[in-house]
Amino acid sequence: MQINKNIAISDSGFLFNPATGESYNVNATGTELLNLIKEGKSLAEIISIFTEKYDVNNSTVEKDYQDFVDIIEQFNLAEKRK
């Protein structure tokens, strides 16, 4: 999955889509996840990073990732999965 290239993500979790003029706010974890996705990290890499950093298991990270991706796709912030 890829975040649309025109989406700006600030360190504070502010997202701006210049194509639509819409803006969004995400929490610190969401910001971290968006940045990892934007860096091209795979789901396996993201799971590893989050399980090492937070007290969470693989299945929880995977479910939360999928839910988050569904939301950012819904708001046209990422390319749709095929």
PDB file of N, CA and C in Angstrom:
ATOM      1  N   MET A   1       0.837  -1.173   0.000  1.00  0.00           N
ATOM      2  CA  MET A   1       0.000   0.000   0.000  1.00  0.00           C
ATOM      3  C   MET A   1       0.875   1.225   0.000  1.00  0.00           C
ATOM      4  N   GLN A   2       0.375   2.281  -0.588  1.00  0.00           N
ATOM      5  CA  GLN A   2       1.130   3.526  -0.645  1.00  0.00           C
ATOM      6  C   GLN A   2       0.224   4.702  -0.299  1.00  0.00           C
ATOM      7  N   ILE A   3       0.769   5.630   0.466  1.00  0.00           N
ATOM      8  CA  ILE A   3       0.086   6.879   0.742  1.00  0.00           C
ATOM      9  C   ILE A   3       0.202   7.733  -0.523  1.00  0.00           C
ATOM     10  N   ASN A   4      -0.878   8.406  -0.899  1.00  0.00           N
ATOM     11  CA  ASN A   4      -0.802   9.285  -2.068  1.00  0.00           C
ATOM     12  C   ASN A   4       0.333  10.286  -1.876  1.00  0.00           C
ATOM     13  N   LYS A   5       1.087  10.508  -2.922  1.00  0.00           N
ATOM     14  CA  LYS A   5       2.284  11.348  -2.844  1.00  0.00           C
ATOM     15  C   LYS A   5       1.998  12.792  -2.464  1.00  0.00           C
ATOM     16  N   ASN A   6       0.811  13.273  -2.774  1.00  0.00           N
ATOM     17  CA  ASN A   6       0.501  14.675  -2.499  1.00  0.00           C
ATOM     18  C   ASN A   6       0.030  14.917  -1.061  1.00  0.00           C
ATOM     19  N   ILE A   7      -0.140  13.871  -0.282  1.00  0.00           N
ATOM     20  CA  ILE A   7      -0.603  14.013   1.095  1.00  0.00           C
ATOM     21  C   ILE A   7       0.553  14.482   1.974  1.00  0.00           C
ATOM     22  N   ALA A   8       0.338  15.585   2.668  1.00  0.00           N
ATOM     23  CA  ALA A   8       1.343  16.112   3.594  1.00  0.00           C
ATOM     24  C   ALA A   8       1.024  15.605   4.994  1.00  0.00           C
ATOM     25  N   ILE A   9       2.042  15.121   5.691  1.00  0.00           N
ATOM     26  CA  ILE A   9       1.883  14.607   7.051  1.00  0.00           C
ATOM     27  C   ILE A   9       2.844  15.361   7.956  1.00  0.00           C
ATOM     28  N   SER A  10       2.302  16.081   8.938  1.00  0.00           N
ATOM     29  CA  SER A  10       3.175  16.803   9.867  1.00  0.00           C
ATOM     30  C   SER A  10       3.550  15.898  11.030  1.00  0.00           C
ATOM     31  N   ASP A  11       4.566  16.297  11.778  1.00  0.00           N
ATOM     32  CA  ASP A  11       4.999  15.536  12.951  1.00  0.00           C
ATOM     33  C   ASP A  11       3.920  15.481  14.027  1.00  0.00           C
ATOM     34  N   SER A  12       3.026  16.447  14.015  1.00  0.00           N
ATOM     35  CA  SER A  12       1.975  16.500  15.036  1.00  0.00           C
ATOM     36  C   SER A  12       0.733  15.708  14.646  1.00  0.00           C
ATOM     37  N   GLY A  13       0.738  15.079  13.466  1.00  0.00           N
ATOM     38  CA  GLY A  13      -0.389  14.254  13.063  1.00  0.00           C
ATOM     39  C   GLY A  13      -1.423  14.961  12.212  1.00  0.00           C
ATOM     40  N   PHE A  14      -1.072  16.109  11.678  1.00  0.00           N
ATOM     41  CA  PHE A  14      -1.960  16.852  10.793  1.00  0.00           C
ATOM     42  C   PHE A  14      -1.716  16.374   9.373  1.00  0.00           C
ATOM     43  N   LEU A  15      -2.780  15.948   8.695  1.00  0.00           N
ATOM     44  CA  LEU A  15      -2.682  15.496   7.313  1.00  0.00           C
ATOM     45  C   LEU A  15      -3.433  16.480   6.440  1.00  0.00           C
ATOM     46  N   PHE A  16      -2.861  16.788   5.279  1.00  0.00           N
ATOM     47  CA  PHE A  16      -3.504  17.717   4.364  1.00  0.00           C
ATOM     48  C   PHE A  16      -3.472  17.142   2.961  1.00  0.00           C
ATOM     49  N   ASN A  17      -4.629  17.147   2.323  1.00  0.00           N
ATOM     50  CA  ASN A  17      -4.749  16.691   0.947  1.00  0.00           C
ATOM     51  C   ASN A  17      -4.943  17.921   0.067  1.00  0.00           C
ATOM     52  N   PRO A  18      -3.902  18.389  -0.616  1.00  0.00           N
ATOM     53  CA  PRO A  18      -4.020  19.606  -1.416  1.00  0.00           C
ATOM     54  C   PRO A  18      -4.959  19.452  -2.610  1.00  0.00           C
ATOM     55  N   ALA A  19      -5.187  18.234  -3.051  1.00  0.00           N
ATOM     56  CA  ALA A  19      -6.082  18.005  -4.185  1.00  0.00           C
ATOM     57  C   ALA A  19      -7.533  18.331  -3.829  1.00  0.00           C
ATOM     58  N   THR A  20      -7.900  18.107  -2.568  1.00  0.00           N
ATOM     59  CA  THR A  20      -9.289  18.336  -2.147  1.00  0.00           C
ATOM     60  C   THR A  20      -9.426  19.486  -1.161  1.00  0.00           C
ATOM     61  N   GLY A  21      -8.311  19.882  -0.544  1.00  0.00           N
ATOM     62  CA  GLY A  21      -8.347  20.917   0.488  1.00  0.00           C
ATOM     63  C   GLY A  21      -8.755  20.384   1.845  1.00  0.00           C
ATOM     64  N   GLU A  22      -8.963  19.076   1.957  1.00  0.00           N
ATOM     65  CA  GLU A  22      -9.377  18.476   3.223  1.00  0.00           C
ATOM     66  C   GLU A  22      -8.178  18.240   4.132  1.00  0.00           C
ATOM     67  N   SER A  23      -8.430  18.331   5.431  1.00  0.00           N
ATOM     68  CA  SER A  23      -7.383  18.052   6.408  1.00  0.00           C
ATOM     69  C   SER A  23      -7.922  17.108   7.468  1.00  0.00           C
ATOM     70  N   TYR A  24      -7.008  16.393   8.093  1.00  0.00           N
ATOM     71  CA  TYR A  24      -7.347  15.384   9.093  1.00  0.00           C
ATOM     72  C   TYR A  24      -6.312  15.441  10.208  1.00  0.00           C
ATOM     73  N   ASN A  25      -6.678  14.911  11.360  1.00  0.00           N
ATOM     74  CA  ASN A  25      -5.745  14.764  12.480  1.00  0.00           C
ATOM     75  C   ASN A  25      -5.724  13.307  12.903  1.00  0.00           C
ATOM     76  N   VAL A  26      -4.535  12.790  13.160  1.00  0.00           N
ATOM     77  CA  VAL A  26      -4.392  11.445  13.705  1.00  0.00           C
ATOM     78  C   VAL A  26      -3.530  11.540  14.960  1.00  0.00           C
ATOM     79  N   ASN A  27      -3.676  10.547  15.822  1.00  0.00           N
ATOM     80  CA  ASN A  27      -2.882  10.550  17.059  1.00  0.00           C
ATOM     81  C   ASN A  27      -1.434  10.144  16.753  1.00  0.00           C
ATOM     82  N   ALA A  28      -0.613  10.111  17.784  1.00  0.00           N
ATOM     83  CA  ALA A  28       0.817   9.823  17.612  1.00  0.00           C
ATOM     84  C   ALA A  28       1.059   8.449  16.994  1.00  0.00           C
ATOM     85  N   THR A  29       0.275   7.462  17.396  1.00  0.00           N
ATOM     86  CA  THR A  29       0.433   6.116  16.839  1.00  0.00           C
ATOM     87  C   THR A  29       0.046   6.097  15.369  1.00  0.00           C
ATOM     88  N   GLY A  30      -1.035   6.791  15.032  1.00  0.00           N
ATOM     89  CA  GLY A  30      -1.455   6.891  13.638  1.00  0.00           C
ATOM     90  C   GLY A  30      -0.418   7.599  12.788  1.00  0.00           C
ATOM     91  N   THR A  31       0.185   8.644  13.338  1.00  0.00           N
ATOM     92  CA  THR A  31       1.243   9.365  12.628  1.00  0.00           C
ATOM     93  C   THR A  31       2.433   8.449  12.380  1.00  0.00           C
ATOM     94  N   GLU A  32       2.808   7.698  13.396  1.00  0.00           N
ATOM     95  CA  GLU A  32       3.926   6.760  13.254  1.00  0.00           C
ATOM     96  C   GLU A  32       3.611   5.725  12.176  1.00  0.00           C
ATOM     97  N   LEU A  33       2.409   5.192  12.202  1.00  0.00           N
ATOM     98  CA  LEU A  33       2.010   4.188  11.220  1.00  0.00           C
ATOM     99  C   LEU A  33       2.001   4.776   9.813  1.00  0.00           C
ATOM    100  N   LEU A  34       1.458   5.968   9.649  1.00  0.00           N
ATOM    101  CA  LEU A  34       1.453   6.605   8.326  1.00  0.00           C
ATOM    102  C   LEU A  34       2.872   6.812   7.808  1.00  0.00           C
ATOM    103  N   ASN A  35       3.755   7.246   8.661  1.00  0.00           N
ATOM    104  CA  ASN A  35       5.141   7.467   8.238  1.00  0.00           C
ATOM    105  C   ASN A  35       5.825   6.161   7.844  1.00  0.00           C
ATOM    106  N   LEU A  36       5.550   5.080   8.575  1.00  0.00           N
ATOM    107  CA  LEU A  36       6.119   3.777   8.215  1.00  0.00           C
ATOM    108  C   LEU A  36       5.587   3.303   6.862  1.00  0.00           C
ATOM    109  N   ILE A  37       4.293   3.519   6.644  1.00  0.00           N
ATOM    110  CA  ILE A  37       3.696   3.154   5.355  1.00  0.00           C
ATOM    111  C   ILE A  37       4.321   3.994   4.247  1.00  0.00           C
ATOM    112  N   LYS A  38       4.444   5.282   4.486  1.00  0.00           N
ATOM    113  CA  LYS A  38       5.012   6.189   3.487  1.00  0.00           C
ATOM    114  C   LYS A  38       6.464   5.819   3.162  1.00  0.00           C
ATOM    115  N   GLU A  39       7.199   5.292   4.168  1.00  0.00           N
ATOM    116  CA  GLU A  39       8.578   4.840   3.953  1.00  0.00           C
ATOM    117  C   GLU A  39       8.640   3.539   3.168  1.00  0.00           C
ATOM    118  N   GLY A  40       7.492   2.901   2.945  1.00  0.00           N
ATOM    119  CA  GLY A  40       7.458   1.660   2.180  1.00  0.00           C
ATOM    120  C   GLY A  40       7.640   0.403   3.011  1.00  0.00           C
ATOM    121  N   LYS A  41       7.471   0.515   4.333  1.00  0.00           N
ATOM    122  CA  LYS A  41       7.604  -0.661   5.199  1.00  0.00           C
ATOM    123  C   LYS A  41       6.480  -1.646   4.902  1.00  0.00           C
ATOM    124  N   SER A  42       6.817  -2.920   4.917  1.00  0.00           N
ATOM    125  CA  SER A  42       5.829  -3.972   4.704  1.00  0.00           C
ATOM    126  C   SER A  42       5.018  -4.184   5.991  1.00  0.00           C
ATOM    127  N   LEU A  43       3.912  -4.894   5.860  1.00  0.00           N
ATOM    128  CA  LEU A  43       3.108  -5.209   7.039  1.00  0.00           C
ATOM    129  C   LEU A  43       3.940  -5.987   8.054  1.00  0.00           C
ATOM    130  N   ALA A  44       4.741  -6.930   7.594  1.00  0.00           N
ATOM    131  CA  ALA A  44       5.585  -7.715   8.507  1.00  0.00           C
ATOM    132  C   ALA A  44       6.561  -6.816   9.264  1.00  0.00           C
ATOM    133  N   GLU A  45       7.146  -5.843   8.570  1.00  0.00           N
ATOM    134  CA  GLU A  45       8.070  -4.913   9.227  1.00  0.00           C
ATOM    135  C   GLU A  45       7.340  -4.040  10.249  1.00  0.00           C
ATOM    136  N   ILE A  46       6.152  -3.591   9.883  1.00  0.00           N
ATOM    137  CA  ILE A  46       5.360  -2.757  10.791  1.00  0.00           C
ATOM    138  C   ILE A  46       4.963  -3.549  12.028  1.00  0.00           C
ATOM    139  N   ILE A  47       4.547  -4.784  11.844  1.00  0.00           N
ATOM    140  CA  ILE A  47       4.192  -5.639  12.982  1.00  0.00           C
ATOM    141  C   ILE A  47       5.393  -5.787  13.905  1.00  0.00           C
ATOM    142  N   SER A  48       6.558  -6.041  13.336  1.00  0.00           N
ATOM    143  CA  SER A  48       7.768  -6.203  14.135  1.00  0.00           C
ATOM    144  C   SER A  48       8.090  -4.927  14.917  1.00  0.00           C
ATOM    145  N   ILE A  49       8.011  -3.788  14.262  1.00  0.00           N
ATOM    146  CA  ILE A  49       8.311  -2.506  14.911  1.00  0.00           C
ATOM    147  C   ILE A  49       7.353  -2.250  16.070  1.00  0.00           C
ATOM    148  N   PHE A  50       6.060  -2.452  15.837  1.00  0.00           N
ATOM    149  CA  PHE A  50       5.070  -2.149  16.868  1.00  0.00           C
ATOM    150  C   PHE A  50       5.088  -3.148  18.023  1.00  0.00           C
ATOM    151  N   THR A  51       5.337  -4.424  17.737  1.00  0.00           N
ATOM    152  CA  THR A  51       5.383  -5.402  18.835  1.00  0.00           C
ATOM    153  C   THR A  51       6.616  -5.218  19.702  1.00  0.00           C
ATOM    154  N   GLU A  52       7.709  -4.728  19.109  1.00  0.00           N
ATOM    155  CA  GLU A  52       8.912  -4.452  19.896  1.00  0.00           C
ATOM    156  C   GLU A  52       8.758  -3.179  20.727  1.00  0.00           C
ATOM    157  N   LYS A  53       8.068  -2.207  20.175  1.00  0.00           N
ATOM    158  CA  LYS A  53       7.963  -0.902  20.827  1.00  0.00           C
ATOM    159  C   LYS A  53       6.830  -0.830  21.851  1.00  0.00           C
ATOM    160  N   TYR A  54       5.734  -1.528  21.578  1.00  0.00           N
ATOM    161  CA  TYR A  54       4.543  -1.463  22.432  1.00  0.00           C
ATOM    162  C   TYR A  54       4.207  -2.849  22.976  1.00  0.00           C
ATOM    163  N   ASP A  55       3.455  -2.887  24.025  1.00  0.00           N
ATOM    164  CA  ASP A  55       3.015  -4.151  24.632  1.00  0.00           C
ATOM    165  C   ASP A  55       1.771  -4.643  23.890  1.00  0.00           C
ATOM    166  N   VAL A  56       2.001  -5.234  22.712  1.00  0.00           N
ATOM    167  CA  VAL A  56       0.911  -5.662  21.844  1.00  0.00           C
ATOM    168  C   VAL A  56       1.348  -6.903  21.071  1.00  0.00           C
ATOM    169  N   ASN A  57       0.382  -7.756  20.721  1.00  0.00           N
ATOM    170  CA  ASN A  57       0.733  -8.967  19.978  1.00  0.00           C
ATOM    171  C   ASN A  57       0.535  -8.775  18.473  1.00  0.00           C
ATOM    172  N   ASN A  58       1.055  -9.710  17.708  1.00  0.00           N
ATOM    173  CA  ASN A  58       1.026  -9.626  16.243  1.00  0.00           C
ATOM    174  C   ASN A  58      -0.382  -9.483  15.687  1.00  0.00           C
ATOM    175  N   SER A  59      -1.318 -10.286  16.178  1.00  0.00           N
ATOM    176  CA  SER A  59      -2.661 -10.258  15.611  1.00  0.00           C
ATOM    177  C   SER A  59      -3.366  -8.930  15.870  1.00  0.00           C
ATOM    178  N   THR A  60      -3.098  -8.324  17.014  1.00  0.00           N
ATOM    179  CA  THR A  60      -3.693  -7.019  17.314  1.00  0.00           C
ATOM    180  C   THR A  60      -3.137  -5.958  16.383  1.00  0.00           C
ATOM    181  N   VAL A  61      -1.832  -5.959  16.164  1.00  0.00           N
ATOM    182  CA  VAL A  61      -1.221  -4.985  15.256  1.00  0.00           C
ATOM    183  C   VAL A  61      -1.772  -5.177  13.847  1.00  0.00           C
ATOM    184  N   GLU A  62      -1.873  -6.416  13.402  1.00  0.00           N
ATOM    185  CA  GLU A  62      -2.374  -6.672  12.049  1.00  0.00           C
ATOM    186  C   GLU A  62      -3.818  -6.202  11.890  1.00  0.00           C
ATOM    187  N   LYS A  63      -4.669  -6.489  12.865  1.00  0.00           N
ATOM    188  CA  LYS A  63      -6.068  -6.055  12.798  1.00  0.00           C
ATOM    189  C   LYS A  63      -6.157  -4.531  12.810  1.00  0.00           C
ATOM    190  N   ASP A  64      -5.422  -3.892  13.716  1.00  0.00           N
ATOM    191  CA  ASP A  64      -5.446  -2.430  13.792  1.00  0.00           C
ATOM    192  C   ASP A  64      -4.907  -1.804  12.510  1.00  0.00           C
ATOM    193  N   TYR A  65      -3.875  -2.402  11.940  1.00  0.00           N
ATOM    194  CA  TYR A  65      -3.319  -1.927  10.674  1.00  0.00           C
ATOM    195  C   TYR A  65      -4.380  -1.986   9.577  1.00  0.00           C
ATOM    196  N   GLN A  66      -5.046  -3.138   9.466  1.00  0.00           N
ATOM    197  CA  GLN A  66      -6.066  -3.301   8.417  1.00  0.00           C
ATOM    198  C   GLN A  66      -7.205  -2.295   8.602  1.00  0.00           C
ATOM    199  N   ASP A  67      -7.642  -2.097   9.842  1.00  0.00           N
ATOM    200  CA  ASP A  67      -8.701  -1.125  10.123  1.00  0.00           C
ATOM    201  C   ASP A  67      -8.252   0.282   9.740  1.00  0.00           C
ATOM    202  N   PHE A  68      -7.021   0.638  10.085  1.00  0.00           N
ATOM    203  CA  PHE A  68      -6.478   1.966   9.789  1.00  0.00           C
ATOM    204  C   PHE A  68      -6.368   2.174   8.288  1.00  0.00           C
ATOM    205  N   VAL A  69      -5.870   1.167   7.577  1.00  0.00           N
ATOM    206  CA  VAL A  69      -5.728   1.251   6.124  1.00  0.00           C
ATOM    207  C   VAL A  69      -7.101   1.424   5.473  1.00  0.00           C
ATOM    208  N   ASP A  70      -8.097   0.711   5.956  1.00  0.00           N
ATOM    209  CA  ASP A  70      -9.450   0.861   5.419  1.00  0.00           C
ATOM    210  C   ASP A  70      -9.927   2.305   5.549  1.00  0.00           C
ATOM    211  N   ILE A  71      -9.639   2.925   6.679  1.00  0.00           N
ATOM    212  CA  ILE A  71     -10.072   4.302   6.922  1.00  0.00           C
ATOM    213  C   ILE A  71      -9.325   5.275   6.011  1.00  0.00           C
ATOM    214  N   ILE A  72      -8.005   5.134   5.902  1.00  0.00           N
ATOM    215  CA  ILE A  72      -7.280   6.089   5.061  1.00  0.00           C
ATOM    216  C   ILE A  72      -7.625   5.905   3.586  1.00  0.00           C
ATOM    217  N   GLU A  73      -7.963   4.691   3.182  1.00  0.00           N
ATOM    218  CA  GLU A  73      -8.425   4.477   1.813  1.00  0.00           C
ATOM    219  C   GLU A  73      -9.798   5.112   1.609  1.00  0.00           C
ATOM    220  N   GLN A  74     -10.656   4.997   2.601  1.00  0.00           N
ATOM    221  CA  GLN A  74     -11.999   5.586   2.535  1.00  0.00           C
ATOM    222  C   GLN A  74     -11.920   7.101   2.321  1.00  0.00           C
ATOM    223  N   PHE A  75     -10.928   7.747   2.918  1.00  0.00           N
ATOM    224  CA  PHE A  75     -10.762   9.189   2.786  1.00  0.00           C
ATOM    225  C   PHE A  75      -9.828   9.571   1.638  1.00  0.00           C
ATOM    226  N   ASN A  76      -9.538   8.582   0.766  1.00  0.00           N
ATOM    227  CA  ASN A  76      -8.719   8.800  -0.434  1.00  0.00           C
ATOM    228  C   ASN A  76      -7.328   9.352  -0.122  1.00  0.00           C
ATOM    229  N   LEU A  77      -6.747   8.865   0.964  1.00  0.00           N
ATOM    230  CA  LEU A  77      -5.391   9.275   1.340  1.00  0.00           C
ATOM    231  C   LEU A  77      -4.353   8.258   0.867  1.00  0.00           C
ATOM    232  N   ALA A  78      -4.812   7.122   0.391  1.00  0.00           N
ATOM    233  CA  ALA A  78      -3.911   6.069  -0.067  1.00  0.00           C
ATOM    234  C   ALA A  78      -4.467   5.454  -1.342  1.00  0.00           C
ATOM    235  N   GLU A  79      -3.578   4.805  -2.058  1.00  0.00           N
ATOM    236  CA  GLU A  79      -4.009   4.071  -3.232  1.00  0.00           C
ATOM    237  C   GLU A  79      -4.800   2.855  -2.774  1.00  0.00           C
ATOM    238  N   LYS A  80      -5.856   2.548  -3.492  1.00  0.00           N
ATOM    239  CA  LYS A  80      -6.699   1.404  -3.136  1.00  0.00           C
ATOM    240  C   LYS A  80      -5.925   0.108  -3.294  1.00  0.00           C
ATOM    241  N   ARG A  81      -6.163  -0.814  -2.362  1.00  0.00           N
ATOM    242  CA  ARG A  81      -5.551  -2.150  -2.474  1.00  0.00           C
ATOM    243  C   ARG A  81      -6.254  -2.911  -3.574  1.00  0.00           C
ATOM    244  N   LYS A  82      -5.500  -3.760  -4.246  1.00  0.00           N
ATOM    245  CA  LYS A  82      -6.074  -4.564  -5.331  1.00  0.00           C
ATOM    246  C   LYS A  82      -6.460  -5.926  -4.845  1.00  0.00           C
TER     247      LYS A  82
END
